[in-house]
């Protein structure tokens, strides 16, 4: 292909490189100049144009794109007619996009003029979704380069999901609540439904290899296409309950573990021709994890080998990592699945009340009760396992307002440095077995034990709900409940901002609870106090 400036008189059959505005309408980029176009250009006084002139061994961009698209696409893909050197490929079935990465890489290295771009390997696609695009960059490509690319053959297909009967085995321990097992089944049903599959039967058995084996044999005998085991405790060894149960049922273990986090503790096996998956603990969460990657392949009848699993490491560190459950249970784990979380209450009451104009707002009264005591009593009536008040400015007055309450006190001598210093002092005082802390402001008269309870109810680490934020008409307020996983980061906050930046940076871990006006109102000024019928302390 020759490209450059061409006299208009010699430009017949050339491909215009740039659109030109002319009287009576533009001639668009990519137009093949015919006699009428030449006449219009000459009439407009145009002497030269930038154009491409094809040579005998050149293939026009549209013809080249169409030919290459037909070569690379196979099952369940529709090819769109080319335009300006581009042909788009669309899924015709719901399933997984299967891409031969090595073949696509080779194709894209043949000639810079030839490009093929696809969605990620094994992306879940719906009918009508674009899965790939073939683009010829210049106006034409050499026949030899196109032939070499097309000769690589099929590299893109959609593997349709197949409706399967799935047998579920769930093991039981005293530490695992039935409600957690119910939720696990519900989430699995939702995952399967997207592929047109369903749980045909569930067997709940004691967390024992023999019991697991019996349940698997029963479900396989019932004609299930796929078997899934959720262990009450995560797999940590090849001789652990789930893999041992698969082997006891006459099965084999094909692979233990996977380089995907969350999802490390997955077990892949088979009993005869029936695949068996030991699900990792993160599969109890709706968040995407490594279990989804393997489950989707099996539902699309794509065999999964150990090499397939070990190849998942690059890209296997998922963005949801902050909200994943921990792999092991125990006193040092932040995962609270199957037990009641231990939530501490921290009340920040160290401020200087500068906007109140002199008096200490925390000891101002509403219906005869000091503000800080209203908040402390609400926390004390809740399920919080401890209540700690952090004092600072005018600590004696605050202590007096709290007289008689069973509370812990922590004094913050650095209170002038802002709210963050009190937060740091409060968190440092908590024992290591605390799963989370609800941080309350001492000047919010509308906070009740019911509000505290609602926030604790919404704290569900096993589902990724690690930061619980109350809202009023969609606007965020206080108090906020934080998982212990964020304590170190909260301790590093500076100034008077609290944890707002952490909330913004960890959106996947945030759950919002609409709780009304009380969570959006604190007393800062005399007008605020008057609005709630409050009174300042006597001088």
Protein backbone atom coordinates (compact mmCIF):
# COMPACT_ATOMS: atom_id res chain seq x y z
CA UNK A 1 0.00 0.00 0.00
CA UNK A 2 1.26 3.43 -0.94
CA UNK A 3 0.31 6.18 1.49
CA UNK A 4 0.83 9.89 1.16
CA UNK A 5 -0.03 12.95 -0.86
CA UNK A 6 -1.66 12.17 -4.21
CA UNK A 7 -2.61 14.64 -6.99
CA UNK A 8 -6.41 14.70 -7.23
CA UNK A 9 -6.23 13.93 -10.93
CA UNK A 10 -4.43 10.65 -10.15
CA UNK A 11 -6.46 9.75 -7.03
CA UNK A 12 -9.19 7.65 -8.65
CA UNK A 13 -9.60 4.41 -6.68
CA UNK A 14 -7.48 5.69 -3.78
CA UNK A 15 -8.77 5.58 -0.17
CA UNK A 16 -9.15 9.00 1.41
CA UNK A 17 -7.12 9.22 4.65
CA UNK A 18 -8.88 12.23 6.19
CA UNK A 19 -12.40 13.57 5.87
CA UNK A 20 -12.78 16.67 3.73
CA UNK A 21 -15.54 19.28 4.00
CA UNK A 22 -16.74 20.35 0.57
CA UNK A 23 -19.69 22.33 -0.75
CA UNK A 24 -22.62 19.96 -0.85
CA UNK A 25 -21.28 17.68 1.91
CA UNK A 26 -18.14 16.05 3.22
CA UNK A 27 -16.25 13.14 1.76
CA UNK A 28 -15.56 10.82 4.67
CA UNK A 29 -12.30 9.25 5.70
CA UNK A 30 -12.01 5.76 4.18
CA UNK A 31 -14.05 6.58 1.10
CA UNK A 32 -12.81 5.03 -2.14
CA UNK A 33 -12.57 8.01 -4.46
CA UNK A 34 -14.63 7.61 -7.63
CA UNK A 35 -15.08 9.90 -10.64
CA UNK A 36 -17.79 11.96 -8.93
CA UNK A 37 -15.58 12.53 -5.91
CA UNK A 38 -12.67 13.58 -8.08
CA UNK A 39 -14.90 16.09 -9.90
CA UNK A 40 -16.12 17.59 -6.59
CA UNK A 41 -12.57 17.92 -5.31
CA UNK A 42 -11.42 19.62 -8.47
CA UNK A 43 -14.40 21.93 -8.46
CA UNK A 44 -13.55 22.92 -4.88
CA UNK A 45 -9.99 23.75 -5.93
CA UNK A 46 -8.40 20.84 -4.08
CA UNK A 47 -5.17 19.91 -5.84
CA UNK A 48 -3.92 17.05 -3.61
CA UNK A 49 -5.28 14.66 -1.03
CA UNK A 50 -3.71 12.35 1.56
CA UNK A 51 -4.75 8.88 0.48
CA UNK A 52 -3.82 5.22 0.39
CA UNK A 53 -3.39 3.43 -2.91
CA UNK A 54 -3.66 -0.34 -2.80
CA UNK A 55 -1.15 -2.59 -4.45
CA UNK A 56 -1.94 -5.99 -6.03
CA UNK A 57 -1.09 -7.93 -2.86
CA UNK A 58 -3.09 -5.66 -0.54
CA UNK A 59 -6.39 -6.71 1.03
CA UNK A 60 -8.84 -3.93 1.86
CA UNK A 61 -9.37 -3.41 5.60
CA UNK A 62 -13.02 -4.54 5.62
CA UNK A 63 -12.37 -7.67 3.61
CA UNK A 64 -9.37 -8.47 5.79
CA UNK A 65 -11.33 -7.95 9.05
CA UNK A 66 -14.18 -10.17 7.88
CA UNK A 67 -11.84 -12.93 6.75
CA UNK A 68 -9.86 -12.93 10.00
CA UNK A 69 -13.00 -12.86 12.15
CA UNK A 70 -14.32 -15.94 10.38
CA UNK A 71 -10.99 -17.68 10.95
CA UNK A 72 -10.69 -17.05 14.69
CA UNK A 73 -14.32 -17.44 15.80
CA UNK A 74 -16.07 -20.73 16.35
CA UNK A 75 -18.98 -22.03 18.44
CA UNK A 76 -21.76 -19.73 19.66
CA UNK A 77 -20.28 -16.52 18.23
CA UNK A 78 -21.94 -14.12 15.80
CA UNK A 79 -19.72 -12.06 13.49
CA UNK A 80 -20.77 -8.50 12.70
CA UNK A 81 -20.30 -7.14 9.19
CA UNK A 82 -17.06 -5.12 9.02
CA UNK A 83 -16.93 -1.35 8.94
CA UNK A 84 -13.82 0.85 8.77
CA UNK A 85 -11.63 -2.19 9.20
CA UNK A 86 -13.37 -3.50 12.30
CA UNK A 87 -15.48 -6.62 12.79
CA UNK A 88 -17.02 -7.22 16.22
CA UNK A 89 -17.81 -10.65 17.62
CA UNK A 90 -20.83 -11.31 19.87
CA UNK A 91 -21.86 -14.19 22.10
CA UNK A 92 -24.91 -16.16 21.00
CA UNK A 93 -25.30 -18.14 24.24
CA UNK A 94 -24.87 -17.67 27.97
CA UNK A 95 -21.65 -19.26 29.04
CA UNK A 96 -17.91 -18.75 29.35
CA UNK A 97 -15.64 -17.12 26.82
CA UNK A 98 -12.89 -19.59 25.98
CA UNK A 99 -9.81 -17.96 24.46
CA UNK A 100 -6.67 -19.62 23.18
CA UNK A 101 -4.34 -17.03 24.65
CA UNK A 102 -1.19 -18.40 23.03
CA UNK A 103 -2.83 -18.36 19.60
CA UNK A 104 -4.14 -14.81 20.02
CA UNK A 105 -0.69 -13.67 21.17
CA UNK A 106 0.92 -15.23 18.11
CA UNK A 107 -1.67 -13.66 15.83
CA UNK A 108 -1.11 -10.17 17.28
CA UNK A 109 2.64 -10.52 16.71
CA UNK A 110 2.42 -11.29 12.99
CA UNK A 111 1.99 -7.72 11.79
CA UNK A 112 1.23 -4.45 13.63
CA UNK A 113 -1.58 -3.88 11.13
CA UNK A 114 -3.51 -6.89 12.46
CA UNK A 115 -5.09 -6.85 15.93
CA UNK A 116 -7.55 -9.01 17.84
CA UNK A 117 -8.77 -8.00 21.30
CA UNK A 118 -10.99 -10.13 23.57
CA UNK A 119 -12.61 -10.08 26.99
CA UNK A 120 -10.73 -11.82 29.77
CA UNK A 121 -10.40 -15.57 29.53
CA UNK A 122 -13.38 -17.40 31.00
CA UNK A 123 -15.49 -14.26 31.29
CA UNK A 124 -19.17 -15.02 31.91
CA UNK A 125 -21.08 -13.71 28.89
CA UNK A 126 -24.70 -13.24 27.94
CA UNK A 127 -26.19 -13.56 24.45
CA UNK A 128 -25.53 -10.34 22.58
CA UNK A 129 -22.47 -9.30 24.57
CA UNK A 130 -19.41 -8.30 22.55
CA UNK A 131 -16.64 -10.78 23.30
CA UNK A 132 -13.95 -9.73 20.83
CA UNK A 133 -13.10 -7.30 18.08
CA UNK A 134 -10.91 -7.71 14.99
CA UNK A 135 -9.34 -4.45 13.83
CA UNK A 136 -7.17 -3.85 10.77
CA UNK A 137 -5.37 -0.62 11.58
CA UNK A 138 -4.35 0.72 8.16
CA UNK A 139 -6.62 0.78 5.13
CA UNK A 140 -5.22 -2.49 3.86
CA UNK A 141 -2.98 -5.36 4.90
CA UNK A 142 -0.64 -7.58 2.93
CA UNK A 143 -2.10 -10.91 1.81
CA UNK A 144 0.80 -12.89 3.23
CA UNK A 145 0.37 -11.37 6.72
CA UNK A 146 -3.40 -11.90 6.67
CA UNK A 147 -2.98 -15.47 5.47
CA UNK A 148 -0.51 -16.22 8.26
CA UNK A 149 -2.92 -14.82 10.86
CA UNK A 150 -5.94 -16.66 9.49
CA UNK A 151 -3.97 -19.91 9.29
CA UNK A 152 -3.68 -19.99 13.09
CA UNK A 153 -7.33 -20.97 13.11
CA UNK A 154 -10.03 -20.91 15.76
CA UNK A 155 -9.06 -19.13 18.96
CA UNK A 156 -12.32 -17.73 20.40
CA UNK A 157 -15.49 -19.55 21.34
CA UNK A 158 -18.30 -19.46 23.87
CA UNK A 159 -18.78 -22.61 25.93
CA UNK A 160 -22.50 -22.61 26.84
CA UNK A 161 -23.53 -23.41 30.38
CA UNK A 162 -25.23 -26.77 30.75
CA UNK A 163 -28.13 -27.19 33.13
CA UNK A 164 -26.83 -29.51 35.84
CA UNK A 165 -28.16 -31.30 38.89
CA UNK A 166 -25.87 -30.45 41.78
CA UNK A 167 -25.63 -32.41 45.01
CA UNK A 168 -24.63 -30.46 48.12
CA UNK A 169 -22.93 -31.91 51.20
CA UNK A 170 -22.65 -29.59 54.22
CA UNK A 171 -20.86 -30.70 57.36
CA UNK A 172 -21.95 -29.59 60.82
CA UNK A 173 -20.15 -28.56 63.99
CA UNK A 174 -21.53 -26.94 67.13
CA UNK A 175 -19.74 -23.70 66.25
CA UNK A 176 -21.55 -23.34 62.89
CA UNK A 177 -24.99 -21.80 63.06
CA UNK A 178 -27.80 -23.36 61.00
CA UNK A 179 -28.53 -19.89 59.66
CA UNK A 180 -25.03 -19.78 58.15
CA UNK A 181 -25.62 -23.12 56.46
CA UNK A 182 -28.98 -21.92 55.15
CA UNK A 183 -27.36 -18.80 53.74
CA UNK A 184 -24.60 -20.90 52.17
CA UNK A 185 -27.14 -22.99 50.27
CA UNK A 186 -29.06 -19.89 49.18
CA UNK A 187 -25.92 -18.26 47.76
CA UNK A 188 -24.95 -21.49 46.00
CA UNK A 189 -28.42 -21.70 44.46
CA UNK A 190 -28.00 -18.14 43.17
CA UNK A 191 -24.63 -18.98 41.64
CA UNK A 192 -26.04 -22.08 39.97
CA UNK A 193 -29.20 -20.36 38.73
CA UNK A 194 -27.12 -18.00 36.61
CA UNK A 195 -26.00 -21.08 34.69
CA UNK A 196 -29.43 -22.73 34.59
CA UNK A 197 -28.42 -25.33 37.20
CA UNK A 198 -29.83 -26.12 40.64
CA UNK A 199 -29.22 -27.97 43.91
CA UNK A 200 -31.18 -31.18 43.57
CA UNK A 201 -30.57 -32.34 47.14
CA UNK A 202 -28.59 -31.41 50.25
CA UNK A 203 -27.15 -33.71 52.89
CA UNK A 204 -26.11 -32.20 56.23
CA UNK A 205 -23.80 -34.53 58.10
CA UNK A 206 -21.36 -34.46 60.98
CA UNK A 207 -17.88 -33.08 60.16
CA UNK A 208 -16.37 -36.50 59.67
CA UNK A 209 -14.76 -38.20 56.64
CA UNK A 210 -16.98 -41.27 56.88
CA UNK A 211 -20.14 -39.17 57.01
CA UNK A 212 -18.96 -37.08 54.06
CA UNK A 213 -18.22 -40.23 52.06
CA UNK A 214 -21.67 -41.65 52.70
CA UNK A 215 -23.38 -38.44 51.66
CA UNK A 216 -21.32 -38.21 48.47
CA UNK A 217 -22.10 -41.80 47.50
CA UNK A 218 -25.80 -41.17 48.11
CA UNK A 219 -25.89 -38.01 45.99
CA UNK A 220 -23.82 -39.52 43.19
CA UNK A 221 -26.15 -42.50 43.09
CA UNK A 222 -29.05 -40.08 42.64
CA UNK A 223 -27.62 -38.99 39.29
CA UNK A 224 -26.15 -35.61 40.16
CA UNK A 225 -23.79 -34.11 37.58
CA UNK A 226 -21.65 -32.22 40.10
CA UNK A 227 -21.01 -32.62 43.84
CA UNK A 228 -20.03 -29.77 46.15
CA UNK A 229 -18.91 -30.08 49.77
CA UNK A 230 -18.98 -27.19 52.25
CA UNK A 231 -16.95 -28.17 55.30
CA UNK A 232 -17.81 -26.63 58.67
CA UNK A 233 -14.07 -26.08 59.05
CA UNK A 234 -11.73 -25.12 56.22
CA UNK A 235 -9.48 -27.74 54.61
CA UNK A 236 -5.87 -27.38 55.81
CA UNK A 237 -4.30 -30.70 54.74
CA UNK A 238 -4.71 -33.49 52.22
CA UNK A 239 -5.83 -35.82 55.01
CA UNK A 240 -8.42 -33.37 56.35
CA UNK A 241 -12.11 -34.26 56.51
CA UNK A 242 -13.25 -33.12 53.05
CA UNK A 243 -10.46 -34.62 50.90
CA UNK A 244 -10.44 -37.75 53.06
CA UNK A 245 -14.21 -38.07 52.61
CA UNK A 246 -13.88 -37.84 48.82
CA UNK A 247 -11.28 -40.61 48.81
CA UNK A 248 -13.35 -42.74 51.20
CA UNK A 249 -16.21 -42.54 48.69
CA UNK A 250 -13.94 -44.09 46.04
CA UNK A 251 -12.87 -40.78 44.58
CA UNK A 252 -9.53 -39.20 43.78
CA UNK A 253 -8.09 -35.80 44.67
CA UNK A 254 -6.92 -34.00 41.57
CA UNK A 255 -5.65 -30.87 43.25
CA UNK A 256 -5.53 -29.24 46.69
CA UNK A 257 -5.48 -25.47 47.01
CA UNK A 258 -5.26 -22.75 44.39
CA UNK A 259 -3.23 -19.54 43.92
CA UNK A 260 -6.32 -17.34 44.16
CA UNK A 261 -7.05 -15.22 47.22
CA UNK A 262 -9.78 -15.44 48.40
CA UNK A 263 -10.13 -19.09 47.41
CA UNK A 264 -6.85 -20.72 48.48
CA UNK A 265 -8.40 -23.68 50.29
CA UNK A 266 -10.33 -25.28 47.43
CA UNK A 267 -10.33 -29.05 46.87
CA UNK A 268 -10.85 -30.49 43.39
CA UNK A 269 -11.59 -34.18 43.04
CA UNK A 270 -13.77 -36.69 41.23
CA UNK A 271 -15.69 -39.85 41.93
CA UNK A 272 -15.64 -41.72 38.66
CA UNK A 273 -16.64 -39.17 36.04
CA UNK A 274 -18.46 -36.92 38.52
CA UNK A 275 -16.50 -33.81 39.58
CA UNK A 276 -16.37 -33.02 43.30
CA UNK A 277 -15.45 -29.60 44.67
CA UNK A 278 -14.58 -28.94 48.30
CA UNK A 279 -15.55 -25.29 48.61
CA UNK A 280 -13.29 -22.81 50.44
CA UNK A 281 -14.80 -20.76 53.26
CA UNK A 282 -14.99 -17.63 51.09
CA UNK A 283 -17.63 -19.37 48.94
CA UNK A 284 -20.09 -18.62 51.75
CA UNK A 285 -19.85 -14.97 50.66
CA UNK A 286 -21.54 -13.48 47.58
CA UNK A 287 -18.27 -11.77 46.64
CA UNK A 288 -16.47 -13.20 43.62
CA UNK A 289 -13.72 -15.58 44.66
CA UNK A 290 -11.70 -18.52 43.34
CA UNK A 291 -14.59 -20.94 43.86
CA UNK A 292 -16.60 -19.03 41.24
CA UNK A 293 -13.82 -19.45 38.69
CA UNK A 294 -13.73 -23.23 39.06
CA UNK A 295 -17.50 -23.65 39.42
CA UNK A 296 -18.19 -21.70 36.23
CA UNK A 297 -15.80 -23.84 34.20
CA UNK A 298 -17.40 -27.04 35.43
CA UNK A 299 -20.90 -25.70 34.69
CA UNK A 300 -19.74 -25.01 31.12
CA UNK A 301 -18.38 -28.56 30.76
CA UNK A 302 -14.80 -27.30 30.61
CA UNK A 303 -12.40 -29.81 32.19
CA UNK A 304 -10.25 -28.36 34.98
CA UNK A 305 -6.75 -29.75 35.38
CA UNK A 306 -4.09 -29.07 38.04
CA UNK A 307 -2.22 -27.01 35.45
CA UNK A 308 -5.34 -24.91 34.88
CA UNK A 309 -5.53 -24.18 38.60
CA UNK A 310 -1.86 -23.40 39.11
CA UNK A 311 -1.98 -21.00 36.16
CA UNK A 312 -4.45 -18.73 38.00
CA UNK A 313 -1.91 -16.95 40.18
CA UNK A 314 -1.41 -13.91 37.96
CA UNK A 315 -4.62 -11.96 38.52
CA UNK A 316 -5.54 -14.27 41.39
CA UNK A 317 -5.21 -11.56 44.05
CA UNK A 318 -8.78 -10.31 43.94
CA UNK A 319 -9.75 -6.75 44.82
CA UNK A 320 -12.14 -7.99 47.50
CA UNK A 321 -9.19 -9.14 49.60
CA UNK A 322 -9.96 -6.73 52.45
CA UNK A 323 -13.42 -8.19 52.91
CA UNK A 324 -12.55 -11.89 52.68
CA UNK A 325 -13.00 -14.27 55.61
CA UNK A 326 -9.82 -15.59 57.19
CA UNK A 327 -8.96 -19.22 56.32
CA UNK A 328 -8.68 -20.55 59.86
CA UNK A 329 -10.82 -20.28 62.95
CA UNK A 330 -9.32 -19.39 66.32
CA UNK A 331 -8.75 -16.57 68.78
CA UNK A 332 -6.44 -14.72 66.42
CA UNK A 333 -8.76 -14.83 63.41
CA UNK A 334 -10.92 -11.91 62.37
CA UNK A 335 -13.48 -14.25 60.85
CA UNK A 336 -16.57 -14.50 63.08
CA UNK A 337 -18.49 -17.01 60.98
CA UNK A 338 -20.44 -19.43 63.14
CA UNK A 339 -20.13 -17.46 66.39
CA UNK A 340 -21.31 -14.20 67.90
CA UNK A 341 -18.93 -11.32 67.12
CA UNK A 342 -17.39 -9.53 70.10
CA UNK A 343 -18.10 -5.85 69.54
CA UNK A 344 -16.70 -3.12 71.79
CA UNK A 345 -18.17 0.38 72.07
CA UNK A 346 -15.87 3.41 72.08
CA UNK A 347 -17.37 6.79 73.02
CA UNK A 348 -15.30 9.80 71.98
CA UNK A 349 -15.77 12.45 74.68
CA UNK A 350 -12.50 14.39 74.71
CA UNK A 351 -13.37 17.43 72.58
CA UNK A 352 -13.06 21.08 73.59
CA UNK A 353 -16.61 22.18 72.55
CA UNK A 354 -15.18 25.22 70.77
CA UNK A 355 -18.32 25.98 68.77
CA UNK A 356 -20.44 26.00 71.91
CA UNK A 357 -18.82 29.29 72.90
CA UNK A 358 -17.43 28.26 76.28
CA UNK A 359 -19.55 25.66 78.11
CA UNK A 360 -18.83 21.94 77.81
CA UNK A 361 -21.52 20.60 75.49
CA UNK A 362 -21.05 17.01 76.65
CA UNK A 363 -22.52 17.80 80.05
CA UNK A 364 -25.39 19.86 78.65
CA UNK A 365 -28.66 18.11 79.41
CA UNK A 366 -31.59 16.91 77.32
CA UNK A 367 -34.62 15.95 79.40
CA UNK A 368 -32.34 16.28 82.42
CA UNK A 369 -29.73 13.78 81.21
CA UNK A 370 -26.20 14.87 80.14
CA UNK A 371 -25.50 14.31 76.45
CA UNK A 372 -22.54 12.03 77.03
CA UNK A 373 -24.57 9.94 79.48
CA UNK A 374 -27.37 9.49 76.92
CA UNK A 375 -24.86 7.97 74.49
CA UNK A 376 -23.13 5.89 77.18
CA UNK A 377 -26.42 4.41 78.44
CA UNK A 378 -27.43 3.49 74.88
CA UNK A 379 -24.15 1.65 74.36
CA UNK A 380 -24.37 -0.05 77.76
CA UNK A 381 -27.86 -1.42 76.98
CA UNK A 382 -26.69 -2.94 73.69
CA UNK A 383 -24.89 -6.21 73.00
CA UNK A 384 -21.52 -4.47 73.06
CA UNK A 385 -19.25 -6.55 75.29
CA UNK A 386 -17.60 -3.44 76.72
CA UNK A 387 -18.09 0.32 76.73
CA UNK A 388 -15.09 2.63 76.92
CA UNK A 389 -15.30 6.42 77.21
CA UNK A 390 -12.29 8.39 76.02
CA UNK A 391 -11.98 11.66 77.94
CA UNK A 392 -9.73 14.65 77.42
CA UNK A 393 -10.81 18.26 77.80
CA UNK A 394 -12.63 18.89 81.11
CA UNK A 395 -12.39 15.21 81.96
CA UNK A 396 -13.63 15.74 85.51
CA UNK A 397 -16.93 17.19 84.27
CA UNK A 398 -17.43 14.24 81.88
CA UNK A 399 -16.56 11.73 84.59
CA UNK A 400 -19.10 13.33 86.91
CA UNK A 401 -21.80 13.08 84.22
CA UNK A 402 -21.10 9.34 83.90
CA UNK A 403 -21.13 8.58 87.62
CA UNK A 404 -22.61 5.20 88.51
CA UNK A 405 -22.29 3.63 85.06
CA UNK A 406 -20.26 0.45 84.56
CA UNK A 407 -17.83 1.84 81.99
CA UNK A 408 -14.15 1.80 81.23
CA UNK A 409 -12.39 5.16 81.15
CA UNK A 410 -9.37 6.06 79.04
CA UNK A 411 -7.86 9.53 79.27
CA UNK A 412 -6.39 11.10 76.13
CA UNK A 413 -3.87 13.77 77.08
CA UNK A 414 -3.33 14.57 73.37
CA UNK A 415 -6.98 15.56 72.78
CA UNK A 416 -5.98 18.93 71.27
CA UNK A 417 -4.66 16.99 68.27
CA UNK A 418 -8.20 16.15 67.16
CA UNK A 419 -10.66 13.28 67.12
CA UNK A 420 -8.08 10.87 65.69
CA UNK A 421 -6.03 10.98 68.90
CA UNK A 422 -9.02 9.83 70.95
CA UNK A 423 -9.77 7.11 68.44
CA UNK A 424 -6.18 5.91 68.67
CA UNK A 425 -6.26 5.87 72.48
CA UNK A 426 -9.55 3.97 72.55
CA UNK A 427 -8.47 1.31 70.06
CA UNK A 428 -5.17 0.79 71.87
CA UNK A 429 -7.10 -0.02 75.05
CA UNK A 430 -9.10 -2.89 73.53
CA UNK A 431 -8.17 -6.54 74.15
CA UNK A 432 -6.98 -8.72 71.27
CA UNK A 433 -10.13 -10.87 71.12
CA UNK A 434 -12.37 -8.00 69.98
CA UNK A 435 -13.83 -8.52 66.48
CA UNK A 436 -14.98 -4.96 65.94
CA UNK A 437 -15.61 -1.59 67.56
CA UNK A 438 -18.54 0.75 67.22
CA UNK A 439 -17.29 4.33 67.49
CA UNK A 440 -19.84 6.72 68.99
CA UNK A 441 -19.67 10.49 69.37
CA UNK A 442 -20.54 11.77 72.82
CA UNK A 443 -22.77 14.58 71.54
CA UNK A 444 -25.52 12.70 69.66
CA UNK A 445 -28.72 12.75 71.76
CA UNK A 446 -30.76 10.67 69.31
CA UNK A 447 -28.56 7.56 69.47
CA UNK A 448 -30.34 4.68 71.18
CA UNK A 449 -29.49 1.12 72.08
CA UNK A 450 -31.75 0.10 69.17
CA UNK A 451 -29.53 1.98 66.73
CA UNK A 452 -26.44 0.33 68.17
CA UNK A 453 -28.13 -3.07 67.87
CA UNK A 454 -29.07 -2.49 64.23
CA UNK A 455 -25.46 -1.70 63.40
CA UNK A 456 -24.21 -4.81 65.21
CA UNK A 457 -26.82 -6.91 63.36
CA UNK A 458 -25.46 -5.67 60.02
CA UNK A 459 -21.86 -6.61 60.87
CA UNK A 460 -21.38 -9.84 58.91
CA UNK A 461 -17.69 -10.56 58.25
CA UNK A 462 -18.47 -13.84 56.49
CA UNK A 463 -20.37 -11.83 53.86
CA UNK A 464 -17.76 -9.09 53.56
CA UNK A 465 -19.75 -6.53 55.66
CA UNK A 466 -16.82 -5.17 57.68
CA UNK A 467 -17.65 -1.48 58.01
CA UNK A 468 -21.23 -0.67 59.01
CA UNK A 469 -22.31 2.92 58.35
CA UNK A 470 -25.71 4.40 59.30
CA UNK A 471 -27.46 6.71 56.88
CA UNK A 472 -30.26 9.25 56.91
CA UNK A 473 -31.92 9.65 53.50
CA UNK A 474 -28.82 8.12 51.96
CA UNK A 475 -26.38 10.49 53.68
CA UNK A 476 -23.82 8.85 55.95
CA UNK A 477 -23.78 9.57 59.66
CA UNK A 478 -22.59 8.14 62.99
CA UNK A 479 -21.85 5.91 64.87
CA UNK A 480 -19.77 3.61 62.64
CA UNK A 481 -18.88 -0.02 63.36
CA UNK A 482 -15.38 -1.10 62.27
CA UNK A 483 -13.96 -4.58 61.91
CA UNK A 484 -10.77 -5.18 63.89
CA UNK A 485 -9.05 -5.66 60.53
CA UNK A 486 -9.04 -1.88 60.18
CA UNK A 487 -7.78 -1.01 63.66
CA UNK A 488 -4.16 -0.51 62.59
CA UNK A 489 -5.21 1.77 59.75
CA UNK A 490 -7.55 3.74 62.03
CA UNK A 491 -4.69 4.25 64.48
CA UNK A 492 -2.67 5.91 61.71
CA UNK A 493 -5.35 8.51 60.92
CA UNK A 494 -4.34 12.07 61.76
CA UNK A 495 -6.24 15.22 62.70
CA UNK A 496 -9.99 15.56 63.10
CA UNK A 497 -11.24 13.51 60.15
CA UNK A 498 -11.99 10.15 61.74
CA UNK A 499 -12.17 7.26 59.28
CA UNK A 500 -13.86 8.90 56.28
CA UNK A 501 -10.94 8.27 53.95
CA UNK A 502 -10.79 4.62 54.97
CA UNK A 503 -14.50 4.22 54.23
CA UNK A 504 -13.98 5.70 50.76
CA UNK A 505 -10.94 3.51 50.11
CA UNK A 506 -12.71 0.28 51.15
CA UNK A 507 -16.09 0.62 49.47
CA UNK A 508 -16.40 -3.15 48.96
CA UNK A 509 -16.30 -3.68 52.73
CA UNK A 510 -18.99 -1.09 53.55
CA UNK A 511 -22.63 -1.84 54.28
CA UNK A 512 -25.07 1.02 54.84
CA UNK A 513 -28.06 0.88 57.19
CA UNK A 514 -30.80 3.51 56.88
CA UNK A 515 -31.59 4.59 60.47
CA UNK A 516 -33.19 8.01 60.24
CA UNK A 517 -32.44 11.52 61.42
CA UNK A 518 -30.85 10.56 64.75
CA UNK A 519 -27.66 9.32 63.09
CA UNK A 520 -27.18 12.58 61.23
CA UNK A 521 -27.51 15.01 64.15
CA UNK A 522 -24.91 16.01 66.71
CA UNK A 523 -24.83 19.01 69.04
CA UNK A 524 -22.13 21.51 68.13
CA UNK A 525 -23.67 24.94 68.74
CA UNK A 526 -26.14 26.55 71.16
CA UNK A 527 -28.70 26.49 68.31
CA UNK A 528 -28.26 22.71 67.96
CA UNK A 529 -28.84 22.27 71.68
CA UNK A 530 -31.91 24.48 71.60
CA UNK A 531 -33.31 22.43 68.69
CA UNK A 532 -33.48 19.34 70.93
CA UNK A 533 -34.78 21.19 73.99
CA UNK A 534 -31.45 20.96 75.76
CA UNK A 535 -29.94 23.13 78.46
CA UNK A 536 -26.40 24.20 79.17
CA UNK A 537 -24.99 23.46 82.62
CA UNK A 538 -25.21 26.23 85.19
CA UNK A 539 -22.08 28.42 85.31
